[in-house]
Amino acid sequence: MTARHLKTALTCAAAVSLALAAVPSAQAVDGPAPDPRNRQAMRDMATAMAVTAKYADEREALKDGYVPHGQACMTNPFGAGAMGYHYVKEAYWGSLDPSRPTALLYSTEKDRHGRRKLQTVEWMSTDRDQDLKTTDDRPSMFGLPFDGPMPGHWAGMPKHYDLHLWAYKDNPAGRFHNWNTALTCPKGSTSAAHPH
């Protein structure tokens, strides 16, 4: 086993361990959290983290078809926090499979090698009737409802629902909150508003 494969295997094992211990109690985490007694939710979280651990290396995401969506760092126009940079795989739009997130969100800063760090995985699903007032088609995953519906964040993006899992970066607002209140976009970068 090469050093790279060993590192990937260890990262995946760590991700699974973290997912299984992710939520010791619903009261211990700010914001929504899956019930730790929900075995399917815990298995699905472990799957999501194990499958996406390899994307810690931004190059792996690009190789697997995740494409940076514009040059915008998404920042919260209504308060504190940011999301970072979205890398989207259009083939996974509408996925409710924990192993196939629609987007990977990368850090607002680059490391010493000029690469961004994976922080979040996100699932997105189109709002069937494109009416922001109805929610009868709201999906769920990990025993949690998706956020939304909300307007699209970029040209051509439909009204939709989404769910974030801050699998690789602590979020003071909670593991499933869409905005990370500890993050800001870099000064001088173009910021895009995420309306929800």
N, C-alpha and C. Protein backbone atom coordinates (compact mmCIF):
# COMPACT_ATOMS: atom_id res chain seq x y z
N MET A 1 0.85 -1.18 0.00
CA MET A 1 0.00 0.00 0.00
C MET A 1 0.90 1.24 0.00
N THR A 2 0.65 2.14 -0.94
CA THR A 2 1.45 3.36 -1.02
C THR A 2 1.10 4.29 0.13
N ALA A 3 1.97 5.26 0.39
CA ALA A 3 1.72 6.22 1.46
C ALA A 3 0.42 7.00 1.20
N ARG A 4 0.19 7.32 -0.08
CA ARG A 4 -1.03 8.07 -0.43
C ARG A 4 -2.28 7.26 -0.15
N HIS A 5 -2.26 5.94 -0.51
CA HIS A 5 -3.41 5.09 -0.26
C HIS A 5 -3.62 4.87 1.24
N LEU A 6 -2.52 4.74 1.97
CA LEU A 6 -2.62 4.58 3.42
C LEU A 6 -3.25 5.82 4.05
N LYS A 7 -2.80 7.00 3.59
CA LYS A 7 -3.36 8.25 4.11
C LYS A 7 -4.85 8.33 3.81
N THR A 8 -5.26 7.95 2.60
CA THR A 8 -6.67 7.97 2.23
C THR A 8 -7.47 7.00 3.10
N ALA A 9 -6.94 5.80 3.31
CA ALA A 9 -7.63 4.81 4.14
C ALA A 9 -7.78 5.30 5.57
N LEU A 10 -6.72 5.89 6.11
CA LEU A 10 -6.79 6.41 7.48
C LEU A 10 -7.77 7.57 7.59
N THR A 11 -7.78 8.43 6.57
CA THR A 11 -8.72 9.55 6.56
C THR A 11 -10.16 9.03 6.54
N CYS A 12 -10.43 8.02 5.72
CA CYS A 12 -11.78 7.44 5.65
C CYS A 12 -12.17 6.82 6.98
N ALA A 13 -11.24 6.08 7.60
CA ALA A 13 -11.52 5.46 8.89
C ALA A 13 -11.83 6.52 9.94
N ALA A 14 -11.05 7.61 9.91
CA ALA A 14 -11.29 8.70 10.87
C ALA A 14 -12.64 9.35 10.62
N ALA A 15 -13.00 9.51 9.34
CA ALA A 15 -14.29 10.13 9.01
C ALA A 15 -15.44 9.28 9.53
N VAL A 16 -15.34 7.97 9.36
CA VAL A 16 -16.40 7.08 9.85
C VAL A 16 -16.50 7.17 11.37
N SER A 17 -15.36 7.17 12.05
CA SER A 17 -15.37 7.27 13.51
C SER A 17 -15.99 8.58 13.96
N LEU A 18 -15.63 9.67 13.28
CA LEU A 18 -16.21 10.97 13.63
C LEU A 18 -17.71 10.99 13.42
N ALA A 19 -18.15 10.41 12.32
CA ALA A 19 -19.58 10.42 12.03
C ALA A 19 -20.36 9.65 13.08
N LEU A 20 -19.83 8.51 13.49
CA LEU A 20 -20.54 7.69 14.47
C LEU A 20 -20.59 8.36 15.84
N ALA A 21 -19.59 9.21 16.11
CA ALA A 21 -19.56 9.92 17.40
C ALA A 21 -19.98 11.36 17.25
N ALA A 22 -20.50 11.70 16.09
CA ALA A 22 -20.75 13.10 15.75
C ALA A 22 -21.73 13.80 16.68
N VAL A 23 -22.77 13.12 17.09
CA VAL A 23 -23.80 13.80 17.86
C VAL A 23 -24.09 13.00 19.13
N PRO A 24 -23.35 13.27 20.21
CA PRO A 24 -23.58 12.52 21.43
C PRO A 24 -24.98 12.73 22.00
N SER A 25 -25.52 13.92 21.84
CA SER A 25 -26.92 14.16 22.24
C SER A 25 -27.44 15.34 21.46
N ALA A 26 -28.72 15.34 21.19
CA ALA A 26 -29.31 16.42 20.41
C ALA A 26 -29.12 17.76 21.12
N GLN A 27 -29.09 17.77 22.45
CA GLN A 27 -28.94 19.01 23.19
C GLN A 27 -27.51 19.54 23.16
N ALA A 28 -26.55 18.69 22.81
CA ALA A 28 -25.14 19.09 22.87
C ALA A 28 -24.72 19.92 21.66
N VAL A 29 -25.56 20.02 20.66
CA VAL A 29 -25.20 20.72 19.44
C VAL A 29 -26.20 21.84 19.18
N ASP A 30 -25.68 23.02 18.84
CA ASP A 30 -26.58 24.11 18.45
C ASP A 30 -27.20 23.76 17.12
N GLY A 31 -28.42 24.19 16.91
CA GLY A 31 -29.07 23.94 15.63
C GLY A 31 -29.59 22.52 15.54
N PRO A 32 -30.16 22.18 14.38
CA PRO A 32 -30.74 20.85 14.21
C PRO A 32 -29.66 19.78 14.22
N ALA A 33 -30.02 18.62 14.72
CA ALA A 33 -29.09 17.49 14.76
C ALA A 33 -29.89 16.20 14.67
N PRO A 34 -29.31 15.18 14.01
CA PRO A 34 -30.02 13.90 13.95
C PRO A 34 -30.09 13.27 15.34
N ASP A 35 -31.10 12.48 15.54
CA ASP A 35 -31.22 11.72 16.78
C ASP A 35 -30.14 10.64 16.77
N PRO A 36 -29.23 10.63 17.75
CA PRO A 36 -28.15 9.64 17.74
C PRO A 36 -28.66 8.21 17.87
N ARG A 37 -29.93 8.04 18.28
CA ARG A 37 -30.50 6.69 18.35
C ARG A 37 -31.01 6.23 17.00
N ASN A 38 -31.05 7.13 16.02
CA ASN A 38 -31.51 6.79 14.67
C ASN A 38 -30.33 6.14 13.93
N ARG A 39 -30.29 4.83 13.96
CA ARG A 39 -29.15 4.10 13.39
C ARG A 39 -28.96 4.37 11.90
N GLN A 40 -30.07 4.48 11.17
CA GLN A 40 -29.95 4.77 9.72
C GLN A 40 -29.31 6.12 9.50
N ALA A 41 -29.71 7.13 10.28
CA ALA A 41 -29.12 8.47 10.15
C ALA A 41 -27.62 8.42 10.45
N MET A 42 -27.23 7.67 11.48
CA MET A 42 -25.81 7.57 11.84
C MET A 42 -25.03 6.83 10.75
N ARG A 43 -25.63 5.77 10.21
CA ARG A 43 -24.96 5.05 9.10
C ARG A 43 -24.82 5.94 7.88
N ASP A 44 -25.89 6.71 7.58
CA ASP A 44 -25.84 7.60 6.41
C ASP A 44 -24.78 8.70 6.59
N MET A 45 -24.66 9.23 7.80
CA MET A 45 -23.61 10.23 8.05
C MET A 45 -22.23 9.61 7.87
N ALA A 46 -22.05 8.39 8.40
CA ALA A 46 -20.76 7.71 8.26
C ALA A 46 -20.44 7.47 6.79
N THR A 47 -21.45 7.08 6.01
CA THR A 47 -21.26 6.87 4.58
C THR A 47 -20.84 8.16 3.89
N ALA A 48 -21.57 9.24 4.17
CA ALA A 48 -21.26 10.53 3.55
C ALA A 48 -19.82 10.95 3.83
N MET A 49 -19.40 10.78 5.06
CA MET A 49 -18.05 11.21 5.43
C MET A 49 -16.99 10.28 4.86
N ALA A 50 -17.26 8.98 4.86
CA ALA A 50 -16.29 8.04 4.31
C ALA A 50 -16.08 8.25 2.81
N VAL A 51 -17.18 8.48 2.10
CA VAL A 51 -17.11 8.65 0.64
C VAL A 51 -16.45 9.98 0.26
N THR A 52 -16.72 11.03 1.03
CA THR A 52 -16.20 12.34 0.65
C THR A 52 -14.83 12.66 1.23
N ALA A 53 -14.30 11.82 2.10
CA ALA A 53 -12.99 12.10 2.72
C ALA A 53 -11.90 12.30 1.68
N LYS A 54 -11.97 11.58 0.57
CA LYS A 54 -10.92 11.71 -0.45
C LYS A 54 -10.91 13.10 -1.08
N TYR A 55 -12.03 13.83 -0.97
CA TYR A 55 -12.10 15.16 -1.57
C TYR A 55 -11.42 16.22 -0.70
N ALA A 56 -10.82 15.79 0.39
CA ALA A 56 -9.97 16.71 1.16
C ALA A 56 -8.91 17.26 0.20
N ASP A 57 -8.51 16.44 -0.76
CA ASP A 57 -7.61 16.87 -1.83
C ASP A 57 -8.49 17.42 -2.96
N GLU A 58 -8.45 18.72 -3.13
CA GLU A 58 -9.26 19.41 -4.13
C GLU A 58 -9.13 18.78 -5.52
N ARG A 59 -7.95 18.27 -5.84
CA ARG A 59 -7.72 17.66 -7.16
C ARG A 59 -8.59 16.44 -7.39
N GLU A 60 -8.89 15.69 -6.31
CA GLU A 60 -9.76 14.52 -6.44
C GLU A 60 -11.18 14.93 -6.79
N ALA A 61 -11.63 16.03 -6.23
CA ALA A 61 -12.98 16.53 -6.54
C ALA A 61 -13.06 16.91 -8.02
N LEU A 62 -12.06 17.61 -8.50
CA LEU A 62 -12.04 18.01 -9.91
C LEU A 62 -12.01 16.78 -10.81
N LYS A 63 -11.21 15.80 -10.44
CA LYS A 63 -11.10 14.57 -11.24
C LYS A 63 -12.43 13.83 -11.30
N ASP A 64 -13.23 13.90 -10.21
CA ASP A 64 -14.51 13.20 -10.16
C ASP A 64 -15.69 14.03 -10.68
N GLY A 65 -15.41 15.18 -11.29
CA GLY A 65 -16.47 15.94 -11.94
C GLY A 65 -17.10 17.05 -11.14
N TYR A 66 -16.54 17.38 -9.98
CA TYR A 66 -17.01 18.55 -9.23
C TYR A 66 -16.33 19.77 -9.81
N VAL A 67 -17.14 20.75 -10.23
CA VAL A 67 -16.63 21.92 -10.94
C VAL A 67 -16.82 23.16 -10.07
N PRO A 68 -15.76 23.98 -9.91
CA PRO A 68 -15.94 25.23 -9.16
C PRO A 68 -17.03 26.06 -9.82
N HIS A 69 -17.96 26.54 -9.01
CA HIS A 69 -19.07 27.31 -9.56
C HIS A 69 -18.77 28.79 -9.40
N GLY A 70 -18.22 29.38 -10.44
CA GLY A 70 -17.85 30.79 -10.41
C GLY A 70 -16.67 31.02 -9.49
N GLN A 71 -16.35 32.27 -9.29
CA GLN A 71 -15.23 32.65 -8.44
C GLN A 71 -15.71 33.25 -7.13
N ALA A 72 -17.01 33.10 -6.85
CA ALA A 72 -17.60 33.78 -5.69
C ALA A 72 -17.48 32.95 -4.42
N CYS A 73 -17.10 33.63 -3.36
CA CYS A 73 -17.15 33.06 -2.02
C CYS A 73 -18.51 33.46 -1.46
N MET A 74 -19.32 32.50 -1.06
CA MET A 74 -20.66 32.81 -0.57
C MET A 74 -20.62 33.30 0.86
N THR A 75 -21.14 34.50 1.04
CA THR A 75 -21.20 35.11 2.35
C THR A 75 -22.65 35.43 2.71
N ASN A 76 -22.95 35.42 3.99
CA ASN A 76 -24.31 35.64 4.46
C ASN A 76 -24.67 37.12 4.37
N PRO A 77 -25.63 37.48 3.52
CA PRO A 77 -26.00 38.90 3.39
C PRO A 77 -26.86 39.40 4.55
N PHE A 78 -27.33 38.48 5.40
CA PHE A 78 -28.25 38.86 6.47
C PHE A 78 -27.66 38.72 7.86
N GLY A 79 -26.38 38.42 7.95
CA GLY A 79 -25.77 38.25 9.26
C GLY A 79 -24.37 37.69 9.16
N ALA A 80 -23.93 37.08 10.24
CA ALA A 80 -22.56 36.56 10.30
C ALA A 80 -22.43 35.26 9.54
N GLY A 81 -21.25 35.05 9.02
CA GLY A 81 -20.93 33.74 8.45
C GLY A 81 -20.73 33.72 6.96
N ALA A 82 -20.19 32.60 6.52
CA ALA A 82 -19.92 32.36 5.11
C ALA A 82 -20.00 30.86 4.87
N MET A 83 -19.96 30.48 3.61
CA MET A 83 -19.94 29.07 3.23
C MET A 83 -18.62 28.69 2.57
N GLY A 84 -18.06 29.61 1.83
CA GLY A 84 -16.87 29.28 1.07
C GLY A 84 -17.19 29.14 -0.41
N TYR A 85 -16.42 28.28 -1.08
CA TYR A 85 -16.51 28.11 -2.53
C TYR A 85 -17.19 26.80 -2.88
N HIS A 86 -18.21 26.87 -3.74
CA HIS A 86 -18.98 25.69 -4.15
C HIS A 86 -18.34 25.00 -5.36
N TYR A 87 -18.16 23.69 -5.27
CA TYR A 87 -17.76 22.85 -6.39
C TYR A 87 -18.96 21.92 -6.61
N VAL A 88 -19.60 22.02 -7.76
CA VAL A 88 -20.87 21.35 -8.01
C VAL A 88 -20.71 20.23 -9.04
N LYS A 89 -21.38 19.12 -8.76
CA LYS A 89 -21.46 18.02 -9.73
C LYS A 89 -22.91 17.95 -10.20
N GLU A 90 -23.16 18.48 -11.39
CA GLU A 90 -24.53 18.57 -11.92
C GLU A 90 -25.22 17.21 -11.99
N ALA A 91 -24.46 16.14 -12.24
CA ALA A 91 -25.06 14.81 -12.33
C ALA A 91 -25.68 14.38 -11.01
N TYR A 92 -25.27 15.00 -9.90
CA TYR A 92 -25.81 14.65 -8.59
C TYR A 92 -26.88 15.64 -8.11
N TRP A 93 -27.31 16.54 -9.00
CA TRP A 93 -28.39 17.46 -8.62
C TRP A 93 -29.64 16.64 -8.29
N GLY A 94 -30.25 16.90 -7.16
CA GLY A 94 -31.44 16.17 -6.74
C GLY A 94 -31.15 14.89 -6.00
N SER A 95 -29.87 14.57 -5.79
CA SER A 95 -29.50 13.34 -5.09
C SER A 95 -29.96 13.38 -3.64
N LEU A 96 -30.56 12.29 -3.20
CA LEU A 96 -30.87 12.09 -1.79
C LEU A 96 -30.08 10.89 -1.27
N ASP A 97 -28.97 10.63 -1.94
CA ASP A 97 -28.06 9.54 -1.58
C ASP A 97 -26.91 10.15 -0.77
N PRO A 98 -26.70 9.69 0.47
CA PRO A 98 -25.63 10.25 1.29
C PRO A 98 -24.25 10.16 0.64
N SER A 99 -24.07 9.22 -0.27
CA SER A 99 -22.76 9.06 -0.91
C SER A 99 -22.60 9.92 -2.17
N ARG A 100 -23.64 10.70 -2.52
CA ARG A 100 -23.58 11.51 -3.74
C ARG A 100 -24.04 12.95 -3.48
N PRO A 101 -23.24 13.72 -2.74
CA PRO A 101 -23.61 15.12 -2.51
C PRO A 101 -23.53 15.92 -3.81
N THR A 102 -24.42 16.88 -3.94
CA THR A 102 -24.45 17.74 -5.11
C THR A 102 -23.24 18.66 -5.15
N ALA A 103 -22.83 19.15 -3.98
CA ALA A 103 -21.75 20.13 -3.93
C ALA A 103 -20.78 19.83 -2.80
N LEU A 104 -19.55 20.24 -3.02
CA LEU A 104 -18.51 20.23 -1.99
C LEU A 104 -18.14 21.69 -1.77
N LEU A 105 -18.05 22.09 -0.52
CA LEU A 105 -17.72 23.49 -0.22
C LEU A 105 -16.31 23.56 0.35
N TYR A 106 -15.52 24.42 -0.26
CA TYR A 106 -14.11 24.53 0.10
C TYR A 106 -13.81 25.83 0.82
N SER A 107 -12.71 25.82 1.54
CA SER A 107 -12.32 26.91 2.43
C SER A 107 -12.19 28.26 1.72
N THR A 108 -12.33 29.28 2.55
CA THR A 108 -12.20 30.64 2.04
C THR A 108 -10.73 31.02 1.85
N GLU A 109 -9.82 30.25 2.43
CA GLU A 109 -8.38 30.50 2.28
C GLU A 109 -7.72 29.30 1.64
N LYS A 110 -6.58 29.53 0.97
CA LYS A 110 -5.82 28.43 0.37
C LYS A 110 -4.68 28.02 1.29
N ASP A 111 -4.27 26.75 1.18
CA ASP A 111 -3.14 26.27 1.98
C ASP A 111 -1.82 26.67 1.32
N ARG A 112 -0.73 26.22 1.88
CA ARG A 112 0.59 26.62 1.37
C ARG A 112 0.88 26.09 -0.03
N HIS A 113 0.08 25.11 -0.48
CA HIS A 113 0.24 24.57 -1.83
C HIS A 113 -0.71 25.24 -2.83
N GLY A 114 -1.46 26.23 -2.35
CA GLY A 114 -2.38 26.94 -3.23
C GLY A 114 -3.71 26.24 -3.44
N ARG A 115 -4.02 25.27 -2.55
CA ARG A 115 -5.28 24.53 -2.67
C ARG A 115 -6.20 24.86 -1.51
N ARG A 116 -7.49 24.71 -1.77
CA ARG A 116 -8.49 24.94 -0.74
C ARG A 116 -8.76 23.64 0.02
N LYS A 117 -9.25 23.79 1.25
CA LYS A 117 -9.56 22.63 2.08
C LYS A 117 -11.06 22.36 2.07
N LEU A 118 -11.42 21.07 2.01
CA LEU A 118 -12.82 20.67 2.07
C LEU A 118 -13.36 20.96 3.47
N GLN A 119 -14.56 21.57 3.51
CA GLN A 119 -15.18 21.89 4.79
C GLN A 119 -16.58 21.30 4.93
N THR A 120 -17.32 21.30 3.83
CA THR A 120 -18.75 20.97 3.89
C THR A 120 -19.16 20.15 2.69
N VAL A 121 -20.16 19.30 2.88
CA VAL A 121 -20.81 18.63 1.75
C VAL A 121 -22.26 19.08 1.76
N GLU A 122 -22.85 19.17 0.57
CA GLU A 122 -24.20 19.73 0.45
C GLU A 122 -25.01 18.96 -0.59
N TRP A 123 -26.28 18.73 -0.26
CA TRP A 123 -27.23 18.13 -1.18
C TRP A 123 -28.24 19.19 -1.58
N MET A 124 -28.60 19.23 -2.87
CA MET A 124 -29.55 20.21 -3.37
C MET A 124 -30.62 19.50 -4.20
N SER A 125 -31.85 19.98 -4.07
CA SER A 125 -32.97 19.37 -4.77
C SER A 125 -33.94 20.45 -5.22
N THR A 126 -34.41 20.35 -6.45
CA THR A 126 -35.33 21.35 -7.01
C THR A 126 -36.67 21.35 -6.29
N ASP A 127 -37.18 22.55 -6.03
CA ASP A 127 -38.53 22.72 -5.50
C ASP A 127 -39.49 22.43 -6.65
N ARG A 128 -40.28 21.40 -6.51
CA ARG A 128 -41.11 20.89 -7.61
C ARG A 128 -42.00 21.95 -8.25
N ASP A 129 -42.71 22.76 -7.44
CA ASP A 129 -43.64 23.72 -8.02
C ASP A 129 -43.06 25.13 -8.15
N GLN A 130 -41.80 25.31 -7.75
CA GLN A 130 -41.12 26.61 -7.85
C GLN A 130 -41.88 27.72 -7.13
N ASP A 131 -42.60 27.35 -6.08
CA ASP A 131 -43.35 28.30 -5.26
C ASP A 131 -42.72 28.30 -3.86
N LEU A 132 -42.15 29.43 -3.48
CA LEU A 132 -41.46 29.52 -2.19
C LEU A 132 -42.40 29.38 -1.00
N LYS A 133 -43.72 29.45 -1.23
CA LYS A 133 -44.68 29.39 -0.13
C LYS A 133 -45.12 27.96 0.19
N THR A 134 -44.82 27.00 -0.68
CA THR A 134 -45.25 25.62 -0.43
C THR A 134 -44.04 24.75 -0.10
N THR A 135 -44.27 23.76 0.75
CA THR A 135 -43.16 22.91 1.20
C THR A 135 -43.52 21.43 1.20
N ASP A 136 -44.57 21.04 0.46
CA ASP A 136 -45.03 19.66 0.51
C ASP A 136 -44.05 18.67 -0.10
N ASP A 137 -43.03 19.17 -0.81
CA ASP A 137 -42.04 18.26 -1.41
C ASP A 137 -40.68 18.38 -0.74
N ARG A 138 -40.64 18.92 0.49
CA ARG A 138 -39.36 19.10 1.19
C ARG A 138 -38.71 17.73 1.45
N PRO A 139 -37.48 17.53 0.95
CA PRO A 139 -36.80 16.26 1.22
C PRO A 139 -36.16 16.25 2.61
N SER A 140 -35.68 15.09 3.03
CA SER A 140 -34.96 14.98 4.29
C SER A 140 -33.84 13.96 4.13
N MET A 141 -32.87 14.08 5.00
CA MET A 141 -31.75 13.15 5.05
C MET A 141 -31.20 13.20 6.47
N PHE A 142 -30.64 12.12 6.96
CA PHE A 142 -30.12 12.02 8.32
C PHE A 142 -31.24 12.32 9.34
N GLY A 143 -32.50 12.11 8.94
CA GLY A 143 -33.62 12.41 9.82
C GLY A 143 -33.90 13.89 9.97
N LEU A 144 -33.33 14.72 9.09
CA LEU A 144 -33.49 16.17 9.16
C LEU A 144 -34.11 16.71 7.88
N PRO A 145 -34.98 17.71 7.98
CA PRO A 145 -35.53 18.32 6.78
C PRO A 145 -34.50 19.23 6.11
N PHE A 146 -34.54 19.30 4.79
CA PHE A 146 -33.70 20.24 4.05
C PHE A 146 -34.17 21.67 4.35
N ASP A 147 -33.27 22.64 4.21
CA ASP A 147 -33.62 24.05 4.30
C ASP A 147 -34.30 24.46 2.99
N GLY A 148 -35.19 25.46 3.08
CA GLY A 148 -35.83 25.98 1.88
C GLY A 148 -37.33 25.79 1.93
N PRO A 149 -37.97 25.99 0.75
CA PRO A 149 -37.33 26.32 -0.52
C PRO A 149 -36.78 27.74 -0.52
N MET A 150 -35.83 27.96 -1.42
CA MET A 150 -35.15 29.25 -1.54
C MET A 150 -34.86 29.53 -3.00
N PRO A 151 -34.65 30.81 -3.34
CA PRO A 151 -34.28 31.14 -4.73
C PRO A 151 -32.92 30.54 -5.08
N GLY A 152 -32.67 30.44 -6.38
CA GLY A 152 -31.35 29.99 -6.83
C GLY A 152 -30.27 30.99 -6.44
N HIS A 153 -29.05 30.50 -6.34
CA HIS A 153 -27.92 31.34 -5.93
C HIS A 153 -27.13 31.89 -7.10
N TRP A 154 -27.37 31.36 -8.29
CA TRP A 154 -26.67 31.83 -9.48
C TRP A 154 -27.60 31.70 -10.68
N ALA A 155 -27.24 32.34 -11.77
CA ALA A 155 -28.08 32.37 -12.98
C ALA A 155 -28.44 30.95 -13.41
N GLY A 156 -29.73 30.72 -13.63
CA GLY A 156 -30.19 29.43 -14.11
C GLY A 156 -30.47 28.41 -13.02
N MET A 157 -30.09 28.70 -11.78
CA MET A 157 -30.34 27.75 -10.69
C MET A 157 -31.80 27.90 -10.24
N PRO A 158 -32.55 26.78 -10.17
CA PRO A 158 -33.96 26.87 -9.80
C PRO A 158 -34.16 27.12 -8.31
N LYS A 159 -35.38 27.45 -7.94
CA LYS A 159 -35.73 27.47 -6.52
C LYS A 159 -35.53 26.04 -6.03
N HIS A 160 -35.00 25.91 -4.83
CA HIS A 160 -34.58 24.58 -4.40
C HIS A 160 -34.54 24.47 -2.88
N TYR A 161 -34.26 23.26 -2.43
CA TYR A 161 -33.98 22.94 -1.04
C TYR A 161 -32.51 22.53 -0.95
N ASP A 162 -31.91 22.70 0.23
CA ASP A 162 -30.55 22.17 0.39
C ASP A 162 -30.29 21.76 1.83
N LEU A 163 -29.30 20.92 2.00
CA LEU A 163 -28.89 20.46 3.32
C LEU A 163 -27.37 20.43 3.35
N HIS A 164 -26.79 21.08 4.36
CA HIS A 164 -25.34 21.13 4.54
C HIS A 164 -24.92 20.19 5.67
N LEU A 165 -23.78 19.57 5.50
CA LEU A 165 -23.16 18.78 6.55
C LEU A 165 -21.72 19.29 6.71
N TRP A 166 -21.48 20.03 7.79
CA TRP A 166 -20.12 20.54 8.06
C TRP A 166 -19.32 19.38 8.63
N ALA A 167 -18.87 18.53 7.73
CA ALA A 167 -18.17 17.30 8.12
C ALA A 167 -16.70 17.52 8.43
N TYR A 168 -16.12 18.57 7.87
CA TYR A 168 -14.66 18.73 7.96
C TYR A 168 -14.24 20.06 8.57
N LYS A 169 -15.19 20.81 9.11
CA LYS A 169 -14.90 22.11 9.72
C LYS A 169 -15.93 22.34 10.82
N ASP A 170 -15.46 22.71 12.01
CA ASP A 170 -16.39 23.03 13.09
C ASP A 170 -17.24 24.23 12.70
N ASN A 171 -18.51 24.16 13.05
CA ASN A 171 -19.42 25.27 12.82
C ASN A 171 -20.12 25.61 14.13
N PRO A 172 -19.83 26.77 14.71
CA PRO A 172 -20.45 27.14 15.98
C PRO A 172 -21.98 27.15 15.93
N ALA A 173 -22.55 27.35 14.75
CA ALA A 173 -24.01 27.38 14.60
C ALA A 173 -24.62 25.99 14.54
N GLY A 174 -23.79 24.96 14.39
CA GLY A 174 -24.27 23.58 14.33
C GLY A 174 -23.82 22.89 13.06
N ARG A 175 -23.65 21.58 13.15
CA ARG A 175 -23.11 20.77 12.05
C ARG A 175 -23.96 20.86 10.78
N PHE A 176 -25.27 21.13 10.92
CA PHE A 176 -26.16 21.15 9.75
C PHE A 176 -26.67 22.54 9.41
N HIS A 177 -26.14 23.56 10.04
CA HIS A 177 -26.54 24.93 9.74
C HIS A 177 -25.91 25.33 8.41
N ASN A 178 -26.65 26.08 7.57
CA ASN A 178 -26.08 26.39 6.26
C ASN A 178 -24.93 27.39 6.33
N TRP A 179 -24.96 28.35 7.27
CA TRP A 179 -23.87 29.33 7.39
C TRP A 179 -22.94 28.94 8.52
N ASN A 180 -21.64 29.05 8.28
CA ASN A 180 -20.65 28.84 9.34
C ASN A 180 -20.31 30.21 9.90
N THR A 181 -20.74 30.47 11.11
CA THR A 181 -20.58 31.80 11.70
C THR A 181 -19.14 32.14 12.05
N ALA A 182 -18.24 31.15 11.97
CA ALA A 182 -16.82 31.41 12.25
C ALA A 182 -16.05 31.78 10.98
N LEU A 183 -16.71 31.74 9.83
CA LEU A 183 -16.02 32.01 8.56
C LEU A 183 -16.37 33.38 7.99
N THR A 184 -15.41 33.94 7.29
CA THR A 184 -15.63 35.14 6.48
C THR A 184 -14.96 34.93 5.14
N CYS A 185 -15.48 35.57 4.13
CA CYS A 185 -14.83 35.50 2.82
C CYS A 185 -13.61 36.40 2.82
N PRO A 186 -12.59 36.07 2.03
CA PRO A 186 -11.38 36.89 2.00
C PRO A 186 -11.69 38.31 1.54
N LYS A 187 -10.95 39.25 2.08
CA LYS A 187 -11.11 40.65 1.65
C LYS A 187 -10.73 40.74 0.19
N GLY A 188 -11.53 41.51 -0.54
CA GLY A 188 -11.23 41.71 -1.95
C GLY A 188 -11.83 40.64 -2.85
N SER A 189 -12.41 39.57 -2.25
CA SER A 189 -13.02 38.55 -3.11
C SER A 189 -14.44 38.97 -3.44
N THR A 190 -14.96 38.40 -4.52
CA THR A 190 -16.34 38.67 -4.88
C THR A 190 -17.22 37.81 -4.00
N SER A 191 -18.17 38.41 -3.35
CA SER A 191 -19.08 37.64 -2.51
C SER A 191 -20.43 37.48 -3.18
N ALA A 192 -20.99 36.30 -3.04
CA ALA A 192 -22.31 36.03 -3.61
C ALA A 192 -23.28 35.79 -2.49
N ALA A 193 -24.44 36.36 -2.58
CA ALA A 193 -25.45 36.18 -1.54
C ALA A 193 -26.15 34.84 -1.69
N HIS A 194 -26.26 34.12 -0.62
CA HIS A 194 -27.05 32.91 -0.52
C HIS A 194 -28.26 33.31 0.31
N PRO A 195 -29.44 33.37 -0.27
CA PRO A 195 -30.57 34.03 0.38
C PRO A 195 -31.19 33.30 1.56
N HIS A 196 -30.73 32.14 1.94
CA HIS A 196 -31.39 31.47 3.05
C HIS A 196 -30.45 31.27 4.22
